[in-house]
């Protein structure tokens, strides 16, 4: 794992180092601080809820402990997560070679780091609107994944790093913040945003193949290198709601002919 990936694991410290509080508009800083506080509080609530069920149990192919799916032992191509799972734990499906479709139950609120990483056959993900957090590298290097819809989440970290065939992404109205979510998705050419997102963080679309991007008027923050190294990007439309653009946010985009900014 290279130095750049380790930097992503140091998100909080890196964000603090990259964005000066004194130069950042108070409203934007408050938005990010509020989102972070909400996520920390929610994670604490998940812990309390999970502690209420402290026994590890097996439900068919699923090993569940404290409301967390610890591991999956099956070989099915389509898997529906059973009720009672609040969190899909770290590495629960990692390196599963047979999984083609994962269907989340309405109870699932959190997907931890590397939960589905390196699932080379995974083609379809069915999220629900109950998802609050998707962790680092949760679906990293899932090389059969071509399209993703994320209807809702307080924050999505570098979840889809290196998904080499991912071409299209739909970001629903319930998503508030992206942080390095699609970096190194080298074939990603289309992203659609519903109004709702407030922050596109550092490296979110680093080294993708986006051609044209229209950002919603709810967006106020674009982090450093957010659209870095998109050699196919020709135009991008910003709304007047954007109050902060980080260092090299649109750097190394040789074909970028216009950035539309409202008067």
C-alpha atoms as a PDB file:
ATOM      1  CA  UNK A   1       0.000   0.000   0.000  1.00  0.00           C
ATOM      2  CA  UNK A   2       1.568   3.313  -1.138  1.00  0.00           C
ATOM      3  CA  UNK A   3       2.037   6.559   0.792  1.00  0.00           C
ATOM      4  CA  UNK A   4      -0.978   8.156  -0.900  1.00  0.00           C
ATOM      5  CA  UNK A   5      -3.307   5.476   0.453  1.00  0.00           C
ATOM      6  CA  UNK A   6      -1.925   5.874   3.954  1.00  0.00           C
ATOM      7  CA  UNK A   7      -2.609   9.593   3.682  1.00  0.00           C
ATOM      8  CA  UNK A   8      -6.268   8.816   3.082  1.00  0.00           C
ATOM      9  CA  UNK A   9      -6.348   6.831   6.312  1.00  0.00           C
ATOM     10  CA  UNK A  10      -5.171   9.995   8.087  1.00  0.00           C
ATOM     11  CA  UNK A  11      -8.209  11.942   6.819  1.00  0.00           C
ATOM     12  CA  UNK A  12      -8.924  14.115   9.841  1.00  0.00           C
ATOM     13  CA  UNK A  13      -5.338  15.252  10.297  1.00  0.00           C
ATOM     14  CA  UNK A  14      -4.829  15.738   6.593  1.00  0.00           C
ATOM     15  CA  UNK A  15      -7.964  17.846   6.206  1.00  0.00           C
ATOM     16  CA  UNK A  16      -6.907  20.018   9.121  1.00  0.00           C
ATOM     17  CA  UNK A  17      -3.488  20.525   7.534  1.00  0.00           C
ATOM     18  CA  UNK A  18      -4.899  21.248   4.084  1.00  0.00           C
ATOM     19  CA  UNK A  19      -7.577  23.785   4.978  1.00  0.00           C
ATOM     20  CA  UNK A  20      -6.744  26.860   7.020  1.00  0.00           C
ATOM     21  CA  UNK A  21      -9.539  27.749   9.425  1.00  0.00           C
ATOM     22  CA  UNK A  22      -8.577  31.403   9.294  1.00  0.00           C
ATOM     23  CA  UNK A  23      -8.942  31.563   5.507  1.00  0.00           C
ATOM     24  CA  UNK A  24     -11.947  29.291   5.177  1.00  0.00           C
ATOM     25  CA  UNK A  25     -15.397  30.902   5.225  1.00  0.00           C
ATOM     26  CA  UNK A  26     -17.041  30.271   8.577  1.00  0.00           C
ATOM     27  CA  UNK A  27     -20.196  28.903   6.990  1.00  0.00           C
ATOM     28  CA  UNK A  28     -18.295  26.219   5.060  1.00  0.00           C
ATOM     29  CA  UNK A  29     -16.171  25.229   8.050  1.00  0.00           C
ATOM     30  CA  UNK A  30     -19.317  24.947  10.127  1.00  0.00           C
ATOM     31  CA  UNK A  31     -20.862  22.663   7.501  1.00  0.00           C
ATOM     32  CA  UNK A  32     -17.891  20.278   7.595  1.00  0.00           C
ATOM     33  CA  UNK A  33     -17.647  20.434  11.385  1.00  0.00           C
ATOM     34  CA  UNK A  34     -21.353  19.746  11.719  1.00  0.00           C
ATOM     35  CA  UNK A  35     -21.173  16.769   9.357  1.00  0.00           C
ATOM     36  CA  UNK A  36     -18.170  15.355  11.243  1.00  0.00           C
ATOM     37  CA  UNK A  37     -19.871  15.838  14.615  1.00  0.00           C
ATOM     38  CA  UNK A  38     -23.035  14.166  13.352  1.00  0.00           C
ATOM     39  CA  UNK A  39     -21.007  11.193  12.137  1.00  0.00           C
ATOM     40  CA  UNK A  40     -19.086  10.848  15.430  1.00  0.00           C
ATOM     41  CA  UNK A  41     -22.334  10.996  17.410  1.00  0.00           C
ATOM     42  CA  UNK A  42     -23.961   8.461  15.122  1.00  0.00           C
ATOM     43  CA  UNK A  43     -20.996   6.076  15.442  1.00  0.00           C
ATOM     44  CA  UNK A  44     -21.249   6.325  19.229  1.00  0.00           C
ATOM     45  CA  UNK A  45     -24.962   5.553  19.035  1.00  0.00           C
ATOM     46  CA  UNK A  46     -24.224   2.507  16.884  1.00  0.00           C
ATOM     47  CA  UNK A  47     -21.763   1.278  19.509  1.00  0.00           C
ATOM     48  CA  UNK A  48     -24.311   1.651  22.291  1.00  0.00           C
ATOM     49  CA  UNK A  49     -26.977  -0.099  20.230  1.00  0.00           C
ATOM     50  CA  UNK A  50     -24.644  -2.920  19.296  1.00  0.00           C
ATOM     51  CA  UNK A  51     -23.617  -3.488  22.911  1.00  0.00           C
ATOM     52  CA  UNK A  52     -27.207  -4.372  23.720  1.00  0.00           C
ATOM     53  CA  UNK A  53     -26.712  -7.600  21.762  1.00  0.00           C
ATOM     54  CA  UNK A  54     -23.335  -8.930  22.874  1.00  0.00           C
ATOM     55  CA  UNK A  55     -23.578 -12.530  21.731  1.00  0.00           C
ATOM     56  CA  UNK A  56     -21.904 -13.800  18.590  1.00  0.00           C
ATOM     57  CA  UNK A  57     -24.254 -15.937  16.551  1.00  0.00           C
ATOM     58  CA  UNK A  58     -24.351 -17.669  13.205  1.00  0.00           C
ATOM     59  CA  UNK A  59     -27.289 -17.099  10.896  1.00  0.00           C
ATOM     60  CA  UNK A  60     -26.652 -19.536   8.076  1.00  0.00           C
ATOM     61  CA  UNK A  61     -23.561 -18.220   6.304  1.00  0.00           C
ATOM     62  CA  UNK A  62     -23.441 -15.030   8.404  1.00  0.00           C
ATOM     63  CA  UNK A  63     -21.407 -14.565  11.584  1.00  0.00           C
ATOM     64  CA  UNK A  64     -22.976 -11.728  13.589  1.00  0.00           C
ATOM     65  CA  UNK A  65     -21.762 -10.103  16.772  1.00  0.00           C
ATOM     66  CA  UNK A  66     -23.289  -7.098  18.555  1.00  0.00           C
ATOM     67  CA  UNK A  67     -25.347  -6.195  15.499  1.00  0.00           C
ATOM     68  CA  UNK A  68     -22.228  -6.285  13.331  1.00  0.00           C
ATOM     69  CA  UNK A  69     -21.689  -8.708  10.480  1.00  0.00           C
ATOM     70  CA  UNK A  70     -18.248 -10.053  11.311  1.00  0.00           C
ATOM     71  CA  UNK A  71     -17.865 -12.378   8.356  1.00  0.00           C
ATOM     72  CA  UNK A  72     -19.663 -14.164   5.572  1.00  0.00           C
ATOM     73  CA  UNK A  73     -18.808 -17.821   4.933  1.00  0.00           C
ATOM     74  CA  UNK A  74     -20.973 -18.570   1.935  1.00  0.00           C
ATOM     75  CA  UNK A  75     -20.364 -18.766  -1.795  1.00  0.00           C
ATOM     76  CA  UNK A  76     -23.643 -17.433  -3.197  1.00  0.00           C
ATOM     77  CA  UNK A  77     -23.607 -15.063  -6.160  1.00  0.00           C
ATOM     78  CA  UNK A  78     -26.492 -12.979  -4.780  1.00  0.00           C
ATOM     79  CA  UNK A  79     -26.564 -12.151  -1.069  1.00  0.00           C
ATOM     80  CA  UNK A  80     -29.295 -10.325   0.862  1.00  0.00           C
ATOM     81  CA  UNK A  81     -28.180  -9.146   4.284  1.00  0.00           C
ATOM     82  CA  UNK A  82     -30.513 -10.418   7.025  1.00  0.00           C
ATOM     83  CA  UNK A  83     -32.417  -8.155   9.400  1.00  0.00           C
ATOM     84  CA  UNK A  84     -30.607  -7.330  12.630  1.00  0.00           C
ATOM     85  CA  UNK A  85     -27.356  -6.263  11.001  1.00  0.00           C
ATOM     86  CA  UNK A  86     -26.596  -2.598  11.695  1.00  0.00           C
ATOM     87  CA  UNK A  87     -22.965  -2.586  10.576  1.00  0.00           C
ATOM     88  CA  UNK A  88     -21.153  -4.584   7.911  1.00  0.00           C
ATOM     89  CA  UNK A  89     -17.836  -5.082   9.664  1.00  0.00           C
ATOM     90  CA  UNK A  90     -14.327  -4.510   8.426  1.00  0.00           C
ATOM     91  CA  UNK A  91     -13.347  -7.048   5.783  1.00  0.00           C
ATOM     92  CA  UNK A  92     -16.569  -9.055   6.168  1.00  0.00           C
ATOM     93  CA  UNK A  93     -16.692 -10.003   2.456  1.00  0.00           C
ATOM     94  CA  UNK A  94     -13.155  -9.031   1.480  1.00  0.00           C
ATOM     95  CA  UNK A  95     -11.647 -11.130  -1.333  1.00  0.00           C
ATOM     96  CA  UNK A  96     -14.921 -12.997  -1.946  1.00  0.00           C
ATOM     97  CA  UNK A  97     -14.559 -14.282  -5.500  1.00  0.00           C
ATOM     98  CA  UNK A  98     -18.148 -15.476  -6.115  1.00  0.00           C
ATOM     99  CA  UNK A  99     -20.293 -12.524  -4.956  1.00  0.00           C
ATOM    100  CA  UNK A 100     -22.010 -10.747  -7.863  1.00  0.00           C
ATOM    101  CA  UNK A 101     -24.794  -8.827  -6.116  1.00  0.00           C
ATOM    102  CA  UNK A 102     -25.205  -7.521  -2.575  1.00  0.00           C
ATOM    103  CA  UNK A 103     -28.614  -6.348  -1.299  1.00  0.00           C
ATOM    104  CA  UNK A 104     -28.670  -4.294   1.886  1.00  0.00           C
ATOM    105  CA  UNK A 105     -31.499  -4.554   4.381  1.00  0.00           C
ATOM    106  CA  UNK A 106     -33.127  -1.391   5.722  1.00  0.00           C
ATOM    107  CA  UNK A 107     -31.457  -1.927   9.109  1.00  0.00           C
ATOM    108  CA  UNK A 108     -27.898  -1.462   7.803  1.00  0.00           C
ATOM    109  CA  UNK A 109     -26.514   1.984   8.610  1.00  0.00           C
ATOM    110  CA  UNK A 110     -22.761   1.582   8.317  1.00  0.00           C
ATOM    111  CA  UNK A 111     -20.306  -0.196   6.011  1.00  0.00           C
ATOM    112  CA  UNK A 112     -16.851  -0.433   7.543  1.00  0.00           C
ATOM    113  CA  UNK A 113     -13.423  -0.288   5.925  1.00  0.00           C
ATOM    114  CA  UNK A 114     -12.664  -2.904   3.256  1.00  0.00           C
ATOM    115  CA  UNK A 115     -15.971  -4.670   3.899  1.00  0.00           C
ATOM    116  CA  UNK A 116     -16.255  -5.705   0.223  1.00  0.00           C
ATOM    117  CA  UNK A 117     -12.771  -4.882  -0.989  1.00  0.00           C
ATOM    118  CA  UNK A 118     -11.344  -6.920  -3.850  1.00  0.00           C
ATOM    119  CA  UNK A 119     -14.621  -8.695  -4.627  1.00  0.00           C
ATOM    120  CA  UNK A 120     -13.671  -9.150  -8.263  1.00  0.00           C
ATOM    121  CA  UNK A 121     -17.049 -10.520  -9.432  1.00  0.00           C
ATOM    122  CA  UNK A 122     -19.253  -7.898  -7.729  1.00  0.00           C
ATOM    123  CA  UNK A 123     -21.471  -6.221 -10.354  1.00  0.00           C
ATOM    124  CA  UNK A 124     -24.414  -4.753  -8.441  1.00  0.00           C
ATOM    125  CA  UNK A 125     -24.875  -3.010  -5.096  1.00  0.00           C
ATOM    126  CA  UNK A 126     -28.380  -2.269  -3.794  1.00  0.00           C
ATOM    127  CA  UNK A 127     -28.073   0.345  -1.044  1.00  0.00           C
ATOM    128  CA  UNK A 128     -31.006   1.577   1.024  1.00  0.00           C
ATOM    129  CA  UNK A 129     -31.639   5.103   2.274  1.00  0.00           C
ATOM    130  CA  UNK A 130     -30.733   4.015   5.809  1.00  0.00           C
ATOM    131  CA  UNK A 131     -26.988   4.005   5.008  1.00  0.00           C
ATOM    132  CA  UNK A 132     -25.196   6.715   7.017  1.00  0.00           C
ATOM    133  CA  UNK A 133     -21.501   5.974   6.535  1.00  0.00           C
ATOM    134  CA  UNK A 134     -19.430   4.055   3.980  1.00  0.00           C
ATOM    135  CA  UNK A 135     -15.863   3.551   5.158  1.00  0.00           C
ATOM    136  CA  UNK A 136     -12.449   3.635   3.537  1.00  0.00           C
ATOM    137  CA  UNK A 137     -11.885   1.173   0.688  1.00  0.00           C
ATOM    138  CA  UNK A 138     -15.216  -0.513   1.468  1.00  0.00           C
ATOM    139  CA  UNK A 139     -15.586  -1.531  -2.206  1.00  0.00           C
ATOM    140  CA  UNK A 140     -12.018  -0.925  -3.335  1.00  0.00           C
ATOM    141  CA  UNK A 141     -10.804  -2.690  -6.464  1.00  0.00           C
ATOM    142  CA  UNK A 142     -14.142  -4.334  -7.266  1.00  0.00           C
ATOM    143  CA  UNK A 143     -13.209  -4.650 -10.909  1.00  0.00           C
ATOM    144  CA  UNK A 144     -16.549  -5.864 -12.302  1.00  0.00           C
ATOM    145  CA  UNK A 145     -18.531  -2.937 -10.893  1.00  0.00           C
ATOM    146  CA  UNK A 146     -19.689  -0.585 -13.685  1.00  0.00           C
ATOM    147  CA  UNK A 147     -22.475   1.482 -12.115  1.00  0.00           C
ATOM    148  CA  UNK A 148     -23.185   2.687  -8.565  1.00  0.00           C
ATOM    149  CA  UNK A 149     -26.154   4.496  -7.031  1.00  0.00           C
ATOM    150  CA  UNK A 150     -25.746   5.960  -3.550  1.00  0.00           C
ATOM    151  CA  UNK A 151     -29.105   7.301  -2.372  1.00  0.00           C
ATOM    152  CA  UNK A 152     -28.053   8.504   1.066  1.00  0.00           C
ATOM    153  CA  UNK A 153     -25.059   8.828   3.405  1.00  0.00           C
ATOM    154  CA  UNK A 154     -23.683  11.421   5.798  1.00  0.00           C
ATOM    155  CA  UNK A 155     -20.209  10.678   4.510  1.00  0.00           C
ATOM    156  CA  UNK A 156     -18.660   8.347   1.940  1.00  0.00           C
ATOM    157  CA  UNK A 157     -14.908   7.979   2.287  1.00  0.00           C
ATOM    158  CA  UNK A 158     -12.534   6.441  -0.297  1.00  0.00           C
ATOM    159  CA  UNK A 159     -14.974   3.569  -0.698  1.00  0.00           C
ATOM    160  CA  UNK A 160     -14.606   2.888  -4.423  1.00  0.00           C
ATOM    161  CA  UNK A 161     -10.876   3.390  -4.808  1.00  0.00           C
ATOM    162  CA  UNK A 162      -9.461   1.740  -7.895  1.00  0.00           C
ATOM    163  CA  UNK A 163     -12.683   0.243  -9.300  1.00  0.00           C
ATOM    164  CA  UNK A 164     -11.208  -0.103 -12.750  1.00  0.00           C
ATOM    165  CA  UNK A 165     -14.445  -0.612 -14.733  1.00  0.00           C
ATOM    166  CA  UNK A 166     -16.703   1.824 -12.879  1.00  0.00           C
ATOM    167  CA  UNK A 167     -18.207   4.135 -15.509  1.00  0.00           C
ATOM    168  CA  UNK A 168     -21.315   5.769 -14.051  1.00  0.00           C
ATOM    169  CA  UNK A 169     -22.249   7.109 -10.614  1.00  0.00           C
ATOM    170  CA  UNK A 170     -25.513   8.540  -9.282  1.00  0.00           C
ATOM    171  CA  UNK A 171     -25.330  10.571  -6.066  1.00  0.00           C
ATOM    172  CA  UNK A 172     -28.745  10.846  -4.391  1.00  0.00           C
ATOM    173  CA  UNK A 173     -30.233  13.747  -2.472  1.00  0.00           C
ATOM    174  CA  UNK A 174     -29.434  12.136   0.881  1.00  0.00           C
ATOM    175  CA  UNK A 175     -25.642  12.177   0.375  1.00  0.00           C
ATOM    176  CA  UNK A 176     -23.973  15.047   2.225  1.00  0.00           C
ATOM    177  CA  UNK A 177     -20.225  14.565   1.832  1.00  0.00           C
ATOM    178  CA  UNK A 178     -17.776  12.689  -0.392  1.00  0.00           C
ATOM    179  CA  UNK A 179     -14.149  12.245   0.670  1.00  0.00           C
ATOM    180  CA  UNK A 180     -11.826  10.656  -1.884  1.00  0.00           C
ATOM    181  CA  UNK A 181     -14.720   8.419  -2.834  1.00  0.00           C
ATOM    182  CA  UNK A 182     -13.872   7.610  -6.466  1.00  0.00           C
ATOM    183  CA  UNK A 183     -10.170   8.339  -6.729  1.00  0.00           C
ATOM    184  CA  UNK A 184      -8.282   6.242  -9.258  1.00  0.00           C
ATOM    185  CA  UNK A 185     -11.502   5.045 -10.936  1.00  0.00           C
ATOM    186  CA  UNK A 186      -9.865   5.391 -14.306  1.00  0.00           C
ATOM    187  CA  UNK A 187     -12.967   4.723 -16.463  1.00  0.00           C
ATOM    188  CA  UNK A 188     -15.491   6.827 -14.544  1.00  0.00           C
ATOM    189  CA  UNK A 189     -16.991   9.122 -17.196  1.00  0.00           C
ATOM    190  CA  UNK A 190     -20.380  10.171 -15.833  1.00  0.00           C
ATOM    191  CA  UNK A 191     -21.536  11.454 -12.440  1.00  0.00           C
ATOM    192  CA  UNK A 192     -25.028  12.749 -11.687  1.00  0.00           C
ATOM    193  CA  UNK A 193     -25.790  14.737  -8.541  1.00  0.00           C
ATOM    194  CA  UNK A 194     -29.170  15.330  -6.970  1.00  0.00           C
ATOM    195  CA  UNK A 195     -29.316  18.505  -4.845  1.00  0.00           C
ATOM    196  CA  UNK A 196     -28.262  17.745  -1.289  1.00  0.00           C
ATOM    197  CA  UNK A 197     -24.507  17.306  -1.239  1.00  0.00           C
ATOM    198  CA  UNK A 198     -22.574  20.043   0.590  1.00  0.00           C
ATOM    199  CA  UNK A 199     -18.938  18.948   0.275  1.00  0.00           C
ATOM    200  CA  UNK A 200     -16.774  17.198  -2.323  1.00  0.00           C
ATOM    201  CA  UNK A 201     -13.571  16.522  -0.424  1.00  0.00           C
ATOM    202  CA  UNK A 202      -9.968  15.967  -1.329  1.00  0.00           C
ATOM    203  CA  UNK A 203      -9.164  13.611  -4.215  1.00  0.00           C
ATOM    204  CA  UNK A 204     -12.808  12.588  -4.678  1.00  0.00           C
ATOM    205  CA  UNK A 205     -12.557  12.378  -8.482  1.00  0.00           C
ATOM    206  CA  UNK A 206      -8.770  12.192  -8.750  1.00  0.00           C
ATOM    207  CA  UNK A 207      -7.672  10.508 -11.999  1.00  0.00           C
ATOM    208  CA  UNK A 208     -11.059   9.688 -13.497  1.00  0.00           C
ATOM    209  CA  UNK A 209     -12.459  10.135 -17.025  1.00  0.00           C
ATOM    210  CA  UNK A 210     -15.218  12.652 -16.357  1.00  0.00           C
ATOM    211  CA  UNK A 211     -16.201  14.659 -19.417  1.00  0.00           C
ATOM    212  CA  UNK A 212     -18.700  17.204 -18.091  1.00  0.00           C
ATOM    213  CA  UNK A 213     -19.857  17.928 -14.550  1.00  0.00           C
ATOM    214  CA  UNK A 214     -22.843  19.942 -13.323  1.00  0.00           C
ATOM    215  CA  UNK A 215     -22.675  20.589  -9.582  1.00  0.00           C
ATOM    216  CA  UNK A 216     -25.865  21.219  -7.577  1.00  0.00           C
ATOM    217  CA  UNK A 217     -26.596  24.494  -5.840  1.00  0.00           C
ATOM    218  CA  UNK A 218     -26.366  22.850  -2.408  1.00  0.00           C
ATOM    219  CA  UNK A 219     -22.596  22.384  -2.807  1.00  0.00           C
ATOM    220  CA  UNK A 220     -20.390  24.822  -0.891  1.00  0.00           C
ATOM    221  CA  UNK A 221     -17.010  23.077  -0.564  1.00  0.00           C
ATOM    222  CA  UNK A 222     -14.611  21.575  -3.125  1.00  0.00           C
ATOM    223  CA  UNK A 223     -11.466  20.122  -1.587  1.00  0.00           C
ATOM    224  CA  UNK A 224      -7.873  20.014  -2.777  1.00  0.00           C
ATOM    225  CA  UNK A 225      -7.274  17.910  -5.907  1.00  0.00           C
ATOM    226  CA  UNK A 226     -10.969  17.023  -6.024  1.00  0.00           C
ATOM    227  CA  UNK A 227     -10.965  16.830  -9.853  1.00  0.00           C
ATOM    228  CA  UNK A 228      -7.206  16.499 -10.344  1.00  0.00           C
ATOM    229  CA  UNK A 229      -5.913  14.728 -13.472  1.00  0.00           C
ATOM    230  CA  UNK A 230      -9.124  14.341 -15.500  1.00  0.00           C
ATOM    231  CA  UNK A 231      -7.676  14.559 -18.993  1.00  0.00           C
ATOM    232  CA  UNK A 232     -11.132  14.225 -20.610  1.00  0.00           C
ATOM    233  CA  UNK A 233     -12.929  16.925 -18.599  1.00  0.00           C
ATOM    234  CA  UNK A 234     -14.009  19.745 -20.921  1.00  0.00           C
ATOM    235  CA  UNK A 235     -16.408  21.810 -18.824  1.00  0.00           C
ATOM    236  CA  UNK A 236     -17.742  22.116 -15.299  1.00  0.00           C
ATOM    237  CA  UNK A 237     -20.576  24.234 -13.935  1.00  0.00           C
ATOM    238  CA  UNK A 238     -20.349  25.752 -10.464  1.00  0.00           C
ATOM    239  CA  UNK A 239     -23.201  27.377  -8.585  1.00  0.00           C
ATOM    240  CA  UNK A 240     -22.920  30.544  -6.523  1.00  0.00           C
ATOM    241  CA  UNK A 241     -23.258  28.410  -3.385  1.00  0.00           C
ATOM    242  CA  UNK A 242     -19.599  27.285  -3.721  1.00  0.00           C
ATOM    243  CA  UNK A 243     -17.577  29.349  -1.242  1.00  0.00           C
ATOM    244  CA  UNK A 244     -14.356  27.333  -1.042  1.00  0.00           C
ATOM    245  CA  UNK A 245     -12.192  25.667  -3.704  1.00  0.00           C
ATOM    246  CA  UNK A 246      -9.073  23.872  -2.498  1.00  0.00           C
ATOM    247  CA  UNK A 247      -5.556  23.818  -3.899  1.00  0.00           C
ATOM    248  CA  UNK A 248      -5.244  22.199  -7.342  1.00  0.00           C
ATOM    249  CA  UNK A 249      -8.920  21.219  -7.340  1.00  0.00           C
ATOM    250  CA  UNK A 250      -8.979  21.288 -11.177  1.00  0.00           C
ATOM    251  CA  UNK A 251      -5.266  20.847 -11.825  1.00  0.00           C
ATOM    252  CA  UNK A 252      -3.856  18.846 -14.748  1.00  0.00           C
ATOM    253  CA  UNK A 253      -7.081  18.862 -16.770  1.00  0.00           C
ATOM    254  CA  UNK A 254      -5.600  19.616 -20.174  1.00  0.00           C
ATOM    255  CA  UNK A 255      -8.928  19.739 -22.039  1.00  0.00           C
ATOM    256  CA  UNK A 256     -10.835  21.839 -19.533  1.00  0.00           C
ATOM    257  CA  UNK A 257     -12.044  24.720 -21.683  1.00  0.00           C
ATOM    258  CA  UNK A 258     -14.492  26.398 -19.329  1.00  0.00           C
ATOM    259  CA  UNK A 259     -15.525  26.640 -15.701  1.00  0.00           C
ATOM    260  CA  UNK A 260     -18.982  28.191 -15.521  1.00  0.00           C
ATOM    261  CA  UNK A 261     -19.410  30.428 -12.477  1.00  0.00           C
ATOM    262  CA  UNK A 262     -22.655  32.403 -11.951  1.00  0.00           C
ATOM    263  CA  UNK A 263     -22.420  36.193 -11.762  1.00  0.00           C
END
